[in-house]
Amino acid sequence: MTMQEVLKAIISEVIHRKLKPEGFKKQGKNFYKPLSQLGWCLDVQSDKWNTKDYVEFTLHAGIFIPLTHELSSMKPSPNFPKEMDCMIRKSISELRGFWAGPLYVINDQTSVE
């Protein structure tokens, strides 16, 4: 199993399983939970230099406000907004109060069990 496949498994079997009961919907590496006047977005962002043997990734969160999006873009809100569509965006590292590069690393030394 390549590390890219491990990341896909983590997204579907760990992250999605935790977020689905909380009302999040999944599209690729993106998750969205609509609320009455806003929505929460979560994005699993892979490093562009990843290889089949080494993967770095982090999480980005955002708050999507449909009315603000429509007024600022002069377009209707997407049905499934992504973190990049959010007016308020933060990495999980920022929310935790530090920045030390990628939040997670998967390589051949990583236990996947």
Protein backbone atom coordinates (compact mmCIF):
# COMPACT_ATOMS: atom_id res chain seq x y z
CA MET A 1 0.00 0.00 0.00
CA THR A 2 1.45 3.40 -0.98
CA MET A 3 1.41 6.28 1.48
CA GLN A 4 -1.06 8.08 -0.83
CA GLU A 5 -3.41 5.11 -0.40
CA VAL A 6 -2.87 5.25 3.36
CA LEU A 7 -3.90 8.92 3.34
CA LYS A 8 -7.05 8.10 1.35
CA ALA A 9 -7.86 5.38 3.90
CA ILE A 10 -7.31 7.78 6.80
CA ILE A 11 -9.65 10.32 5.18
CA SER A 12 -12.43 7.82 4.52
CA GLU A 13 -12.06 5.44 7.45
CA VAL A 14 -11.01 7.81 10.24
CA ILE A 15 -11.82 11.45 9.49
CA HIS A 16 -15.07 10.81 7.60
CA ARG A 17 -16.28 8.30 10.19
CA LYS A 18 -15.77 10.93 12.92
CA LEU A 19 -17.36 13.82 11.01
CA LYS A 20 -20.34 12.07 9.39
CA PRO A 21 -22.29 11.58 12.66
CA GLU A 22 -21.72 15.31 13.32
CA GLY A 23 -23.55 16.21 10.09
CA PHE A 24 -20.59 16.77 7.75
CA LYS A 25 -20.83 15.74 4.12
CA LYS A 26 -17.73 14.61 2.18
CA GLN A 27 -16.52 15.48 -1.30
CA GLY A 28 -12.98 14.27 -2.05
CA LYS A 29 -10.74 15.68 0.69
CA ASN A 30 -13.33 18.31 1.66
CA PHE A 31 -16.00 18.23 4.34
CA TYR A 32 -18.92 20.62 4.85
CA LYS A 33 -21.57 20.97 7.53
CA PRO A 34 -24.38 23.42 6.72
CA LEU A 35 -26.02 25.28 9.60
CA SER A 36 -28.87 27.80 9.50
CA GLN A 37 -26.90 30.98 8.61
CA LEU A 38 -23.41 29.60 8.01
CA GLY A 39 -21.47 26.41 7.47
CA TRP A 40 -18.28 24.76 8.62
CA CYS A 41 -15.69 23.61 6.12
CA LEU A 42 -12.75 21.30 6.64
CA ASP A 43 -10.09 20.47 4.05
CA VAL A 44 -7.35 17.85 4.16
CA GLN A 45 -4.49 19.50 2.30
CA SER A 46 -1.66 17.35 0.99
CA ASP A 47 1.80 18.76 0.40
CA LYS A 48 2.57 19.25 -3.29
CA TRP A 49 5.92 17.45 -2.88
CA ASN A 50 4.40 14.18 -1.62
CA THR A 51 5.62 10.92 -3.11
CA LYS A 52 4.23 7.40 -3.03
CA ASP A 53 6.54 6.67 -0.06
CA TYR A 54 6.19 9.90 1.92
CA VAL A 55 3.12 12.06 2.55
CA GLU A 56 2.70 15.25 4.55
CA PHE A 57 -0.72 16.77 5.15
CA THR A 58 -2.48 19.29 7.29
CA LEU A 59 -6.04 20.35 7.99
CA HIS A 60 -7.64 23.70 7.17
CA ALA A 61 -10.92 24.90 8.64
CA GLY A 62 -13.24 27.66 7.53
CA ILE A 63 -16.55 29.30 8.28
CA PHE A 64 -18.71 29.79 5.21
CA ILE A 65 -21.35 32.53 5.34
CA PRO A 66 -23.62 32.26 2.27
CA LEU A 67 -24.92 35.84 2.39
CA THR A 68 -21.41 37.30 2.67
CA HIS A 69 -20.21 35.09 -0.19
CA GLU A 70 -23.08 36.15 -2.44
CA LEU A 71 -22.57 39.86 -1.69
CA SER A 72 -18.81 39.77 -2.18
CA SER A 73 -18.71 37.54 -5.28
CA MET A 74 -22.03 38.57 -6.85
CA LYS A 75 -22.60 34.85 -7.49
CA PRO A 76 -24.89 32.31 -5.83
CA SER A 77 -23.35 30.27 -3.06
CA PRO A 78 -22.02 26.85 -4.03
CA ASN A 79 -24.04 23.84 -2.86
CA PHE A 80 -20.90 22.36 -1.35
CA PRO A 81 -18.53 25.17 -0.36
CA LYS A 82 -14.89 24.36 0.19
CA GLU A 83 -12.49 25.89 2.69
CA MET A 84 -11.11 28.19 -0.02
CA ASP A 85 -14.64 29.69 -0.41
CA CYS A 86 -14.76 30.69 3.26
CA MET A 87 -14.36 34.26 4.50
CA ILE A 88 -12.82 33.02 7.75
CA ARG A 89 -10.04 30.48 7.19
CA LYS A 90 -7.42 28.99 9.51
CA SER A 91 -5.11 26.03 9.51
CA ILE A 92 -5.48 23.62 12.39
CA SER A 93 -1.93 24.59 13.41
CA GLU A 94 -3.00 28.24 13.69
CA LEU A 95 -6.03 27.26 15.74
CA ARG A 96 -3.81 25.22 18.04
CA GLY A 97 -1.50 28.23 18.44
CA PHE A 98 1.64 27.08 16.67
CA TRP A 99 3.14 26.54 13.24
CA ALA A 100 5.72 23.85 12.77
CA GLY A 101 5.23 22.73 9.19
CA PRO A 102 2.94 19.87 8.26
CA LEU A 103 0.72 18.62 11.01
CA TYR A 104 0.91 14.97 9.97
CA VAL A 105 3.48 12.80 8.19
CA ILE A 106 2.93 9.32 6.75
CA ASN A 107 5.92 7.23 5.69
CA ASP A 108 7.08 3.62 5.75
CA GLN A 109 7.69 3.92 9.52
CA THR A 110 4.08 4.95 10.20
CA SER A 111 1.85 2.41 11.92
CA VAL A 112 -1.48 2.36 10.15
CA GLU A 113 -3.29 0.15 12.63
